[in-house]
Amino acid sequence: MVSTDRFLAFTAMSALVIVIPGPSVLFVVGRALAHGRRTAVATVLGNVAGSYLMIVAVSFGLGSVLERSAAVFLAVKLAGAAYLVFLGVQAFRHRKEMKAAAIGAAGAGGRPARGDVRTVLDGVLVGLTNPKGIVFAAAVLPQFVDHTAGHVPAQMLLLGLVPIGIGLVTDTLWGLTASAARTWFARSDRRLAMIGGAGGCTMVGLGVTVALTGRAD
């Protein structure tokens, strides 16, 4: 259905875009620093799920709405930015409680304080409202579809699996790397609180950056 040339070209484009750290990477790193490896992995799973939901929506017509309406794009972007700031503030406020949370999680079999389902849902929301992902799905993905071959939504859904797969691997590596650094900080209450605050500040800064990021028309 999708020609090999188009598939390879889209794969190269996806890799190029994803290699440059964007909101999803910074979000995963911030959560890894604030909450550890399990939360980072759950965040990645939610993030890629949210990103693919955006691709599904674009495949069935939302892309044209986002392209035509700056107001809709702005609303989606600001919703994601506000939620990132909220998560960052929460992480910063509770940075001094990280040691107790880590001990509690260990006693509960490694389950993070927020819960796996809540963490995944956080990632889904950020993936859905990530401006970089929205622009890529709405503006870049359709360019690699062969309209003469028909089954356009199916082509977009198939091609959309490429950046999702690449993002799953790269974001997981970012999260595991950040959580490994956190392990060293966890040996000291003060260092752990510091890294928790850094993770919170990262998410707040990311939210502000997302809010201020313009749209190229």
N, C-alpha and C. Protein backbone atom coordinates (compact mmCIF):
# COMPACT_ATOMS: atom_id res chain seq x y z
N MET A 1 0.83 -1.20 0.00
CA MET A 1 0.00 0.00 0.00
C MET A 1 0.87 1.26 0.00
N VAL A 2 1.91 1.27 0.82
CA VAL A 2 2.86 2.39 0.86
C VAL A 2 4.13 1.95 0.15
N SER A 3 4.58 2.73 -0.82
CA SER A 3 5.75 2.35 -1.58
C SER A 3 6.99 2.34 -0.69
N THR A 4 7.97 1.54 -1.07
CA THR A 4 9.20 1.43 -0.30
C THR A 4 9.92 2.77 -0.23
N ASP A 5 9.96 3.49 -1.34
CA ASP A 5 10.64 4.79 -1.37
C ASP A 5 10.02 5.77 -0.38
N ARG A 6 8.69 5.84 -0.39
CA ARG A 6 8.01 6.75 0.53
C ARG A 6 8.24 6.32 1.98
N PHE A 7 8.19 5.02 2.21
CA PHE A 7 8.37 4.50 3.57
C PHE A 7 9.77 4.84 4.10
N LEU A 8 10.79 4.61 3.28
CA LEU A 8 12.15 4.89 3.71
C LEU A 8 12.38 6.39 3.90
N ALA A 9 11.82 7.20 2.99
CA ALA A 9 11.97 8.65 3.11
C ALA A 9 11.30 9.16 4.39
N PHE A 10 10.13 8.62 4.69
CA PHE A 10 9.42 9.03 5.89
C PHE A 10 10.16 8.56 7.14
N THR A 11 10.75 7.38 7.09
CA THR A 11 11.52 6.87 8.23
C THR A 11 12.71 7.79 8.51
N ALA A 12 13.41 8.20 7.44
CA ALA A 12 14.55 9.10 7.60
C ALA A 12 14.11 10.44 8.18
N MET A 13 12.99 10.97 7.68
CA MET A 13 12.46 12.24 8.19
C MET A 13 12.07 12.12 9.66
N SER A 14 11.42 11.02 10.01
CA SER A 14 10.99 10.80 11.39
C SER A 14 12.19 10.73 12.33
N ALA A 15 13.21 9.98 11.92
CA ALA A 15 14.40 9.86 12.75
C ALA A 15 15.07 11.20 12.96
N LEU A 16 15.12 12.00 11.91
CA LEU A 16 15.75 13.31 12.00
C LEU A 16 15.01 14.22 12.98
N VAL A 17 13.68 14.19 12.91
CA VAL A 17 12.87 15.03 13.80
C VAL A 17 12.94 14.54 15.24
N ILE A 18 12.89 13.24 15.45
CA ILE A 18 12.84 12.68 16.79
C ILE A 18 14.19 12.77 17.50
N VAL A 19 15.28 12.70 16.72
CA VAL A 19 16.61 12.78 17.33
C VAL A 19 16.80 14.10 18.07
N ILE A 20 16.17 15.17 17.56
CA ILE A 20 16.24 16.47 18.23
C ILE A 20 15.30 16.43 19.42
N PRO A 21 15.82 16.51 20.66
CA PRO A 21 14.94 16.42 21.84
C PRO A 21 13.86 17.49 21.83
N GLY A 22 12.64 17.06 22.03
CA GLY A 22 11.51 17.97 22.07
C GLY A 22 10.77 17.84 23.38
N PRO A 23 9.50 18.31 23.43
CA PRO A 23 8.73 18.26 24.67
C PRO A 23 8.59 16.86 25.27
N SER A 24 8.41 15.84 24.42
CA SER A 24 8.23 14.50 24.97
C SER A 24 9.48 14.00 25.69
N VAL A 25 10.65 14.26 25.10
CA VAL A 25 11.90 13.85 25.73
C VAL A 25 12.11 14.57 27.05
N LEU A 26 11.92 15.87 27.04
CA LEU A 26 12.11 16.65 28.26
C LEU A 26 11.12 16.24 29.34
N PHE A 27 9.90 15.91 28.93
CA PHE A 27 8.89 15.46 29.89
C PHE A 27 9.31 14.13 30.52
N VAL A 28 9.75 13.20 29.69
CA VAL A 28 10.19 11.90 30.21
C VAL A 28 11.38 12.06 31.14
N VAL A 29 12.34 12.90 30.77
CA VAL A 29 13.51 13.13 31.61
C VAL A 29 13.10 13.75 32.93
N GLY A 30 12.21 14.73 32.88
CA GLY A 30 11.74 15.36 34.10
C GLY A 30 11.05 14.38 35.03
N ARG A 31 10.21 13.51 34.48
CA ARG A 31 9.53 12.51 35.30
C ARG A 31 10.51 11.48 35.84
N ALA A 32 11.52 11.12 35.03
CA ALA A 32 12.52 10.16 35.49
C ALA A 32 13.31 10.73 36.66
N LEU A 33 13.70 11.99 36.55
CA LEU A 33 14.46 12.62 37.62
C LEU A 33 13.62 12.77 38.89
N ALA A 34 12.34 13.07 38.71
CA ALA A 34 11.48 13.32 39.86
C ALA A 34 10.98 12.03 40.51
N HIS A 35 10.74 10.98 39.71
CA HIS A 35 10.07 9.79 40.25
C HIS A 35 10.78 8.46 39.98
N GLY A 36 11.75 8.42 39.09
CA GLY A 36 12.48 7.18 38.88
C GLY A 36 12.13 6.41 37.61
N ARG A 37 12.75 5.23 37.48
CA ARG A 37 12.70 4.46 36.23
C ARG A 37 11.31 3.95 35.90
N ARG A 38 10.59 3.40 36.88
CA ARG A 38 9.27 2.83 36.59
C ARG A 38 8.32 3.90 36.05
N THR A 39 8.35 5.05 36.69
CA THR A 39 7.50 6.15 36.24
C THR A 39 7.92 6.62 34.85
N ALA A 40 9.23 6.66 34.60
CA ALA A 40 9.72 7.09 33.29
C ALA A 40 9.22 6.17 32.19
N VAL A 41 9.30 4.85 32.42
CA VAL A 41 8.86 3.89 31.41
C VAL A 41 7.35 3.99 31.18
N ALA A 42 6.58 4.12 32.28
CA ALA A 42 5.13 4.27 32.14
C ALA A 42 4.79 5.56 31.39
N THR A 43 5.56 6.61 31.65
CA THR A 43 5.36 7.88 30.96
C THR A 43 5.61 7.74 29.46
N VAL A 44 6.67 7.02 29.11
CA VAL A 44 6.99 6.79 27.70
C VAL A 44 5.84 6.05 27.01
N LEU A 45 5.33 5.00 27.65
CA LEU A 45 4.23 4.23 27.06
C LEU A 45 3.01 5.11 26.84
N GLY A 46 2.69 5.94 27.84
CA GLY A 46 1.55 6.84 27.68
C GLY A 46 1.79 7.88 26.60
N ASN A 47 3.02 8.37 26.55
CA ASN A 47 3.36 9.41 25.58
C ASN A 47 3.22 8.91 24.14
N VAL A 48 3.74 7.72 23.87
CA VAL A 48 3.65 7.19 22.51
C VAL A 48 2.20 6.82 22.17
N ALA A 49 1.44 6.38 23.18
CA ALA A 49 0.03 6.08 22.94
C ALA A 49 -0.73 7.36 22.58
N GLY A 50 -0.45 8.44 23.32
CA GLY A 50 -1.09 9.72 23.02
C GLY A 50 -0.68 10.24 21.66
N SER A 51 0.58 10.07 21.32
CA SER A 51 1.06 10.52 20.01
C SER A 51 0.37 9.77 18.88
N TYR A 52 0.17 8.46 19.09
CA TYR A 52 -0.49 7.70 18.04
C TYR A 52 -1.98 8.03 17.94
N LEU A 53 -2.59 8.35 19.08
CA LEU A 53 -3.98 8.79 19.04
C LEU A 53 -4.11 10.07 18.22
N MET A 54 -3.11 10.95 18.33
CA MET A 54 -3.12 12.16 17.51
C MET A 54 -3.02 11.79 16.03
N ILE A 55 -2.17 10.81 15.70
CA ILE A 55 -2.04 10.37 14.31
C ILE A 55 -3.36 9.77 13.82
N VAL A 56 -4.03 9.01 14.68
CA VAL A 56 -5.34 8.45 14.31
C VAL A 56 -6.33 9.56 14.03
N ALA A 57 -6.34 10.58 14.89
CA ALA A 57 -7.26 11.70 14.71
C ALA A 57 -6.97 12.44 13.41
N VAL A 58 -5.68 12.67 13.14
CA VAL A 58 -5.29 13.36 11.90
C VAL A 58 -5.67 12.52 10.69
N SER A 59 -5.49 11.21 10.80
CA SER A 59 -5.81 10.32 9.68
C SER A 59 -7.29 10.39 9.29
N PHE A 60 -8.13 10.69 10.26
CA PHE A 60 -9.57 10.72 9.99
C PHE A 60 -10.15 12.13 9.98
N GLY A 61 -9.28 13.12 9.69
CA GLY A 61 -9.80 14.46 9.41
C GLY A 61 -9.43 15.59 10.33
N LEU A 62 -8.90 15.30 11.53
CA LEU A 62 -8.57 16.39 12.44
C LEU A 62 -7.44 17.26 11.91
N GLY A 63 -6.57 16.67 11.10
CA GLY A 63 -5.43 17.41 10.58
C GLY A 63 -5.86 18.65 9.82
N SER A 64 -6.90 18.52 9.00
CA SER A 64 -7.37 19.68 8.23
C SER A 64 -7.93 20.76 9.14
N VAL A 65 -8.57 20.35 10.24
CA VAL A 65 -9.11 21.32 11.20
C VAL A 65 -7.98 22.10 11.86
N LEU A 66 -6.93 21.39 12.27
CA LEU A 66 -5.80 22.04 12.92
C LEU A 66 -5.07 22.97 11.96
N GLU A 67 -4.98 22.57 10.69
CA GLU A 67 -4.31 23.41 9.71
C GLU A 67 -5.09 24.70 9.45
N ARG A 68 -6.43 24.61 9.45
CA ARG A 68 -7.26 25.77 9.14
C ARG A 68 -7.50 26.68 10.34
N SER A 69 -7.55 26.11 11.53
CA SER A 69 -7.93 26.88 12.71
C SER A 69 -6.77 27.09 13.66
N ALA A 70 -6.26 28.32 13.68
CA ALA A 70 -5.20 28.66 14.63
C ALA A 70 -5.73 28.61 16.05
N ALA A 71 -7.03 28.91 16.24
CA ALA A 71 -7.62 28.92 17.57
C ALA A 71 -7.65 27.52 18.18
N VAL A 72 -8.01 26.52 17.37
CA VAL A 72 -8.03 25.14 17.87
C VAL A 72 -6.62 24.68 18.22
N PHE A 73 -5.68 25.00 17.35
CA PHE A 73 -4.28 24.63 17.61
C PHE A 73 -3.81 25.27 18.90
N LEU A 74 -4.12 26.56 19.08
CA LEU A 74 -3.69 27.28 20.28
C LEU A 74 -4.30 26.68 21.54
N ALA A 75 -5.59 26.31 21.47
CA ALA A 75 -6.26 25.74 22.63
C ALA A 75 -5.63 24.42 23.04
N VAL A 76 -5.34 23.57 22.06
CA VAL A 76 -4.71 22.28 22.35
C VAL A 76 -3.32 22.49 22.94
N LYS A 77 -2.58 23.41 22.35
CA LYS A 77 -1.22 23.68 22.82
C LYS A 77 -1.21 24.19 24.26
N LEU A 78 -2.09 25.15 24.56
CA LEU A 78 -2.12 25.75 25.90
C LEU A 78 -2.60 24.75 26.95
N ALA A 79 -3.49 23.85 26.56
CA ALA A 79 -3.95 22.82 27.50
C ALA A 79 -2.78 21.93 27.91
N GLY A 80 -1.99 21.52 26.93
CA GLY A 80 -0.81 20.70 27.25
C GLY A 80 0.21 21.46 28.07
N ALA A 81 0.44 22.73 27.74
CA ALA A 81 1.41 23.55 28.46
C ALA A 81 0.99 23.72 29.92
N ALA A 82 -0.30 23.98 30.14
CA ALA A 82 -0.79 24.18 31.50
C ALA A 82 -0.63 22.91 32.33
N TYR A 83 -0.87 21.77 31.72
CA TYR A 83 -0.75 20.52 32.46
C TYR A 83 0.71 20.22 32.80
N LEU A 84 1.61 20.54 31.89
CA LEU A 84 3.04 20.36 32.17
C LEU A 84 3.47 21.23 33.35
N VAL A 85 3.02 22.47 33.37
CA VAL A 85 3.36 23.37 34.47
C VAL A 85 2.80 22.82 35.79
N PHE A 86 1.57 22.33 35.75
CA PHE A 86 0.95 21.77 36.95
C PHE A 86 1.77 20.60 37.48
N LEU A 87 2.15 19.68 36.61
CA LEU A 87 2.95 18.52 37.04
C LEU A 87 4.30 18.96 37.59
N GLY A 88 4.91 19.97 36.95
CA GLY A 88 6.20 20.46 37.42
C GLY A 88 6.10 21.09 38.79
N VAL A 89 5.07 21.88 39.01
CA VAL A 89 4.87 22.52 40.31
C VAL A 89 4.65 21.46 41.39
N GLN A 90 3.86 20.44 41.07
CA GLN A 90 3.61 19.37 42.03
C GLN A 90 4.90 18.64 42.40
N ALA A 91 5.73 18.36 41.39
CA ALA A 91 7.00 17.67 41.65
C ALA A 91 7.92 18.54 42.50
N PHE A 92 7.95 19.84 42.23
CA PHE A 92 8.82 20.75 42.99
C PHE A 92 8.32 20.88 44.43
N ARG A 93 7.01 20.98 44.61
CA ARG A 93 6.45 21.15 45.96
C ARG A 93 6.73 19.94 46.84
N HIS A 94 6.74 18.75 46.24
CA HIS A 94 6.91 17.53 47.02
C HIS A 94 8.33 16.97 46.93
N ARG A 95 9.28 17.80 46.53
CA ARG A 95 10.65 17.31 46.35
C ARG A 95 11.27 16.78 47.63
N LYS A 96 10.89 17.35 48.79
CA LYS A 96 11.47 16.91 50.06
C LYS A 96 10.84 15.63 50.57
N GLU A 97 9.78 15.18 49.92
CA GLU A 97 9.11 13.94 50.33
C GLU A 97 9.55 12.76 49.47
N MET A 98 10.52 12.98 48.61
CA MET A 98 10.90 11.94 47.65
C MET A 98 11.50 10.71 48.31
N LYS A 99 12.27 10.90 49.40
CA LYS A 99 12.88 9.76 50.07
C LYS A 99 11.81 8.84 50.65
N ALA A 100 10.83 9.45 51.33
CA ALA A 100 9.74 8.66 51.91
C ALA A 100 8.94 7.96 50.82
N ALA A 101 8.72 8.66 49.71
CA ALA A 101 7.97 8.07 48.60
C ALA A 101 8.73 6.90 48.00
N ALA A 102 10.06 7.04 47.88
CA ALA A 102 10.87 5.97 47.33
C ALA A 102 10.83 4.73 48.23
N ILE A 103 10.88 4.96 49.56
CA ILE A 103 10.83 3.85 50.51
C ILE A 103 9.47 3.17 50.44
N GLY A 104 8.41 3.99 50.35
CA GLY A 104 7.06 3.45 50.25
C GLY A 104 6.87 2.65 48.98
N ALA A 105 7.43 3.13 47.89
CA ALA A 105 7.31 2.42 46.61
C ALA A 105 8.02 1.09 46.67
N ALA A 106 9.19 1.08 47.33
CA ALA A 106 9.94 -0.18 47.46
C ALA A 106 9.14 -1.19 48.27
N GLY A 107 8.47 -0.71 49.34
CA GLY A 107 7.65 -1.58 50.17
C GLY A 107 6.43 -2.10 49.44
N ALA A 108 5.99 -1.35 48.43
CA ALA A 108 4.81 -1.75 47.66
C ALA A 108 5.18 -2.49 46.39
N GLY A 109 6.41 -3.02 46.35
CA GLY A 109 6.83 -3.78 45.19
C GLY A 109 7.27 -2.92 44.03
N GLY A 110 7.71 -1.69 44.32
CA GLY A 110 8.23 -0.82 43.29
C GLY A 110 7.17 0.00 42.59
N ARG A 111 5.92 -0.02 43.06
CA ARG A 111 4.85 0.75 42.41
C ARG A 111 5.01 2.22 42.73
N PRO A 112 5.03 3.10 41.74
CA PRO A 112 5.19 4.52 41.99
C PRO A 112 4.01 5.09 42.74
N ALA A 113 4.24 6.21 43.48
CA ALA A 113 3.21 6.79 44.32
C ALA A 113 1.99 7.20 43.51
N ARG A 114 2.17 7.68 42.30
CA ARG A 114 1.05 8.15 41.49
C ARG A 114 0.23 7.01 40.90
N GLY A 115 0.81 5.82 40.82
CA GLY A 115 0.11 4.70 40.21
C GLY A 115 0.42 4.62 38.73
N ASP A 116 0.56 3.41 38.24
CA ASP A 116 0.93 3.20 36.84
C ASP A 116 -0.11 3.77 35.87
N VAL A 117 -1.39 3.54 36.18
CA VAL A 117 -2.45 4.00 35.27
C VAL A 117 -2.45 5.52 35.17
N ARG A 118 -2.34 6.20 36.32
CA ARG A 118 -2.33 7.66 36.33
C ARG A 118 -1.12 8.19 35.58
N THR A 119 0.01 7.54 35.75
CA THR A 119 1.23 7.97 35.08
C THR A 119 1.10 7.82 33.57
N VAL A 120 0.54 6.68 33.12
CA VAL A 120 0.34 6.46 31.69
C VAL A 120 -0.61 7.51 31.13
N LEU A 121 -1.69 7.82 31.86
CA LEU A 121 -2.65 8.82 31.40
C LEU A 121 -2.02 10.20 31.30
N ASP A 122 -1.12 10.53 32.24
CA ASP A 122 -0.37 11.79 32.14
C ASP A 122 0.40 11.83 30.83
N GLY A 123 1.07 10.72 30.52
CA GLY A 123 1.84 10.65 29.28
C GLY A 123 0.96 10.75 28.05
N VAL A 124 -0.23 10.13 28.10
CA VAL A 124 -1.16 10.20 26.97
C VAL A 124 -1.56 11.65 26.70
N LEU A 125 -1.89 12.38 27.77
CA LEU A 125 -2.31 13.77 27.59
C LEU A 125 -1.21 14.62 26.99
N VAL A 126 0.01 14.43 27.48
CA VAL A 126 1.14 15.21 26.94
C VAL A 126 1.41 14.82 25.49
N GLY A 127 1.31 13.53 25.17
CA GLY A 127 1.49 13.09 23.79
C GLY A 127 0.45 13.68 22.86
N LEU A 128 -0.79 13.78 23.33
CA LEU A 128 -1.87 14.34 22.52
C LEU A 128 -1.72 15.83 22.26
N THR A 129 -1.12 16.54 23.23
CA THR A 129 -1.06 18.00 23.14
C THR A 129 0.34 18.52 22.84
N ASN A 130 1.25 17.64 22.47
CA ASN A 130 2.61 18.03 22.14
C ASN A 130 2.63 18.79 20.80
N PRO A 131 2.94 20.09 20.80
CA PRO A 131 2.91 20.86 19.55
C PRO A 131 3.80 20.27 18.46
N LYS A 132 4.96 19.76 18.85
CA LYS A 132 5.86 19.16 17.86
C LYS A 132 5.20 17.95 17.20
N GLY A 133 4.51 17.13 18.00
CA GLY A 133 3.83 15.97 17.46
C GLY A 133 2.64 16.35 16.60
N ILE A 134 1.91 17.39 17.02
CA ILE A 134 0.75 17.85 16.26
C ILE A 134 1.18 18.33 14.87
N VAL A 135 2.20 19.17 14.84
CA VAL A 135 2.68 19.71 13.57
C VAL A 135 3.19 18.59 12.68
N PHE A 136 3.93 17.64 13.26
CA PHE A 136 4.48 16.54 12.48
C PHE A 136 3.36 15.70 11.88
N ALA A 137 2.34 15.38 12.71
CA ALA A 137 1.25 14.53 12.23
C ALA A 137 0.38 15.25 11.22
N ALA A 138 0.14 16.54 11.44
CA ALA A 138 -0.79 17.27 10.58
C ALA A 138 -0.15 17.83 9.31
N ALA A 139 1.15 18.15 9.39
CA ALA A 139 1.78 18.81 8.24
C ALA A 139 2.80 17.94 7.51
N VAL A 140 3.51 17.08 8.21
CA VAL A 140 4.57 16.29 7.59
C VAL A 140 4.05 14.95 7.10
N LEU A 141 3.35 14.24 7.94
CA LEU A 141 2.86 12.90 7.60
C LEU A 141 2.05 12.86 6.29
N PRO A 142 1.09 13.77 6.09
CA PRO A 142 0.29 13.69 4.85
C PRO A 142 1.11 13.82 3.57
N GLN A 143 2.28 14.44 3.64
CA GLN A 143 3.10 14.63 2.45
C GLN A 143 3.65 13.31 1.90
N PHE A 144 3.68 12.28 2.71
CA PHE A 144 4.25 11.01 2.30
C PHE A 144 3.18 9.98 1.92
N VAL A 145 1.94 10.43 1.87
CA VAL A 145 0.84 9.54 1.48
C VAL A 145 0.63 9.59 -0.03
N ASP A 146 0.43 8.44 -0.62
CA ASP A 146 0.16 8.36 -2.06
C ASP A 146 -1.36 8.37 -2.26
N HIS A 147 -1.90 9.54 -2.59
CA HIS A 147 -3.35 9.68 -2.72
C HIS A 147 -3.90 8.88 -3.90
N THR A 148 -3.08 8.65 -4.91
CA THR A 148 -3.56 7.90 -6.07
C THR A 148 -3.75 6.41 -5.75
N ALA A 149 -3.10 5.95 -4.69
CA ALA A 149 -3.20 4.54 -4.32
C ALA A 149 -4.45 4.25 -3.49
N GLY A 150 -5.12 5.32 -3.01
CA GLY A 150 -6.31 5.13 -2.20
C GLY A 150 -5.99 4.71 -0.78
N HIS A 151 -7.04 4.45 0.01
CA HIS A 151 -6.89 4.03 1.41
C HIS A 151 -5.98 4.98 2.18
N VAL A 152 -6.24 6.28 2.03
CA VAL A 152 -5.37 7.29 2.65
C VAL A 152 -5.28 7.14 4.17
N PRO A 153 -6.41 6.99 4.90
CA PRO A 153 -6.30 6.81 6.35
C PRO A 153 -5.44 5.61 6.74
N ALA A 154 -5.59 4.50 6.00
CA ALA A 154 -4.80 3.30 6.31
C ALA A 154 -3.32 3.56 6.08
N GLN A 155 -2.99 4.28 5.01
CA GLN A 155 -1.59 4.62 4.75
C GLN A 155 -1.02 5.47 5.89
N MET A 156 -1.80 6.46 6.35
CA MET A 156 -1.32 7.33 7.43
C MET A 156 -1.15 6.56 8.74
N LEU A 157 -2.07 5.64 9.01
CA LEU A 157 -1.96 4.84 10.23
C LEU A 157 -0.73 3.94 10.18
N LEU A 158 -0.43 3.40 9.00
CA LEU A 158 0.75 2.55 8.84
C LEU A 158 2.03 3.36 8.99
N LEU A 159 2.09 4.48 8.28
CA LEU A 159 3.27 5.33 8.37
C LEU A 159 3.46 5.87 9.78
N GLY A 160 2.35 6.13 10.46
CA GLY A 160 2.43 6.68 11.81
C GLY A 160 3.10 5.76 12.81
N LEU A 161 3.13 4.47 12.50
CA LEU A 161 3.81 3.53 13.39
C LEU A 161 5.32 3.74 13.40
N VAL A 162 5.85 4.35 12.33
CA VAL A 162 7.31 4.56 12.24
C VAL A 162 7.81 5.52 13.32
N PRO A 163 7.30 6.77 13.40
CA PRO A 163 7.79 7.65 14.46
C PRO A 163 7.45 7.15 15.85
N ILE A 164 6.33 6.42 15.96
CA ILE A 164 5.96 5.87 17.27
C ILE A 164 7.01 4.85 17.72
N GLY A 165 7.42 3.97 16.81
CA GLY A 165 8.44 2.98 17.15
C GLY A 165 9.77 3.61 17.49
N ILE A 166 10.18 4.61 16.69
CA ILE A 166 11.44 5.30 16.96
C ILE A 166 11.37 6.03 18.30
N GLY A 167 10.25 6.72 18.52
CA GLY A 167 10.09 7.45 19.77
C GLY A 167 10.07 6.54 20.99
N LEU A 168 9.46 5.37 20.86
CA LEU A 168 9.41 4.42 21.97
C LEU A 168 10.82 4.03 22.40
N VAL A 169 11.68 3.76 21.42
CA VAL A 169 13.05 3.35 21.72
C VAL A 169 13.87 4.51 22.29
N THR A 170 13.85 5.64 21.61
CA THR A 170 14.70 6.76 22.03
C THR A 170 14.24 7.37 23.36
N ASP A 171 12.92 7.52 23.53
CA ASP A 171 12.42 8.09 24.79
C ASP A 171 12.71 7.17 25.97
N THR A 172 12.61 5.86 25.73
CA THR A 172 12.93 4.91 26.80
C THR A 172 14.39 5.03 27.19
N LEU A 173 15.27 5.16 26.21
CA LEU A 173 16.70 5.31 26.51
C LEU A 173 16.95 6.59 27.30
N TRP A 174 16.30 7.69 26.90
CA TRP A 174 16.43 8.94 27.66
C TRP A 174 15.97 8.75 29.10
N GLY A 175 14.82 8.10 29.27
CA GLY A 175 14.27 7.90 30.61
C GLY A 175 15.14 7.02 31.48
N LEU A 176 15.66 5.94 30.91
CA LEU A 176 16.53 5.05 31.68
C LEU A 176 17.84 5.72 32.06
N THR A 177 18.37 6.52 31.15
CA THR A 177 19.60 7.26 31.44
C THR A 177 19.39 8.25 32.58
N ALA A 178 18.28 8.99 32.52
CA ALA A 178 18.00 9.98 33.56
C ALA A 178 17.73 9.29 34.90
N SER A 179 17.03 8.17 34.88
CA SER A 179 16.74 7.47 36.14
C SER A 179 18.00 6.86 36.73
N ALA A 180 18.96 6.47 35.88
CA ALA A 180 20.24 5.95 36.38
C ALA A 180 21.00 7.04 37.12
N ALA A 181 20.96 8.27 36.58
CA ALA A 181 21.60 9.39 37.27
C ALA A 181 20.91 9.67 38.59
N ARG A 182 19.60 9.51 38.61
CA ARG A 182 18.83 9.74 39.83
C ARG A 182 19.22 8.76 40.93
N THR A 183 19.60 7.52 40.55
CA THR A 183 19.99 6.51 41.53
C THR A 183 21.15 6.99 42.39
N TRP A 184 22.11 7.67 41.77
CA TRP A 184 23.25 8.20 42.52
C TRP A 184 22.79 9.30 43.48
N PHE A 185 21.89 10.15 43.00
CA PHE A 185 21.39 11.23 43.85
C PHE A 185 20.58 10.69 45.02
N ALA A 186 19.96 9.51 44.83
CA ALA A 186 19.09 8.94 45.86
C ALA A 186 19.85 8.49 47.09
N ARG A 187 21.17 8.45 47.03
CA ARG A 187 21.96 8.06 48.19
C ARG A 187 21.99 9.14 49.26
N SER A 188 21.50 10.30 48.93
CA SER A 188 21.47 11.42 49.87
C SER A 188 20.10 12.08 49.81
N ASP A 189 19.48 12.32 50.99
CA ASP A 189 18.18 12.99 51.03
C ASP A 189 18.25 14.35 50.35
N ARG A 190 19.32 15.07 50.62
CA ARG A 190 19.46 16.43 50.07
C ARG A 190 19.62 16.39 48.55
N ARG A 191 20.45 15.47 48.09
CA ARG A 191 20.65 15.37 46.64
C ARG A 191 19.38 14.90 45.95
N LEU A 192 18.63 13.99 46.61
CA LEU A 192 17.40 13.49 46.02
C LEU A 192 16.37 14.62 45.92
N ALA A 193 16.28 15.44 46.97
CA ALA A 193 15.36 16.58 46.93
C ALA A 193 15.78 17.55 45.83
N MET A 194 17.09 17.71 45.66
CA MET A 194 17.59 18.63 44.63
C MET A 194 17.23 18.14 43.24
N ILE A 195 17.39 16.84 43.01
CA ILE A 195 17.09 16.32 41.68
C ILE A 195 15.59 16.31 41.43
N GLY A 196 14.80 16.11 42.51
CA GLY A 196 13.35 16.20 42.36
C GLY A 196 12.93 17.61 41.99
N GLY A 197 13.57 18.60 42.62
CA GLY A 197 13.29 19.98 42.27
C GLY A 197 13.71 20.30 40.85
N ALA A 198 14.83 19.73 40.43
CA ALA A 198 15.30 19.95 39.06
C ALA A 198 14.32 19.36 38.05
N GLY A 199 13.79 18.17 38.37
CA GLY A 199 12.80 17.55 37.48
C GLY A 199 11.55 18.39 37.40
N GLY A 200 11.11 18.93 38.53
CA GLY A 200 9.94 19.80 38.53
C GLY A 200 10.16 21.06 37.73
N CYS A 201 11.34 21.69 37.93
CA CYS A 201 11.66 22.91 37.19
C CYS A 201 11.75 22.63 35.68
N THR A 202 12.26 21.45 35.33
CA THR A 202 12.34 21.08 33.92
C THR A 202 10.96 21.05 33.29
N MET A 203 10.00 20.46 34.01
CA MET A 203 8.64 20.37 33.46
C MET A 203 7.96 21.73 33.40
N VAL A 204 8.19 22.57 34.42
CA VAL A 204 7.62 23.92 34.39
C VAL A 204 8.20 24.70 33.21
N GLY A 205 9.53 24.64 33.05
CA GLY A 205 10.16 25.33 31.93
C GLY A 205 9.68 24.82 30.60
N LEU A 206 9.45 23.51 30.52
CA LEU A 206 8.95 22.91 29.29
C LEU A 206 7.54 23.43 28.98
N GLY A 207 6.71 23.50 30.02
CA GLY A 207 5.35 23.99 29.83
C GLY A 207 5.34 25.42 29.32
N VAL A 208 6.20 26.26 29.90
CA VAL A 208 6.28 27.66 29.46
C VAL A 208 6.77 27.73 28.02
N THR A 209 7.77 26.91 27.69
CA THR A 209 8.31 26.89 26.32
C THR A 209 7.24 26.48 25.31
N VAL A 210 6.49 25.44 25.66
CA VAL A 210 5.41 24.98 24.78
C VAL A 210 4.38 26.08 24.57
N ALA A 211 4.03 26.78 25.65
CA ALA A 211 3.03 27.85 25.55
C ALA A 211 3.49 28.99 24.64
N LEU A 212 4.80 29.26 24.67
CA LEU A 212 5.33 30.38 23.92
C LEU A 212 5.75 30.02 22.49
N THR A 213 5.72 28.71 22.18
CA THR A 213 6.12 28.26 20.86
C THR A 213 5.05 28.66 19.85
N GLY A 214 5.48 29.35 18.81
CA GLY A 214 4.53 29.79 17.79
C GLY A 214 4.24 28.72 16.78
N ARG A 215 3.32 29.03 15.90
CA ARG A 215 2.95 28.11 14.83
C ARG A 215 3.33 28.73 13.50
N ALA A 216 4.08 27.97 12.70
CA ALA A 216 4.46 28.46 11.39
C ALA A 216 3.30 28.29 10.43
N ASP A 217 2.73 29.37 9.89
CA ASP A 217 1.60 29.31 8.97
C ASP A 217 2.06 29.51 7.55
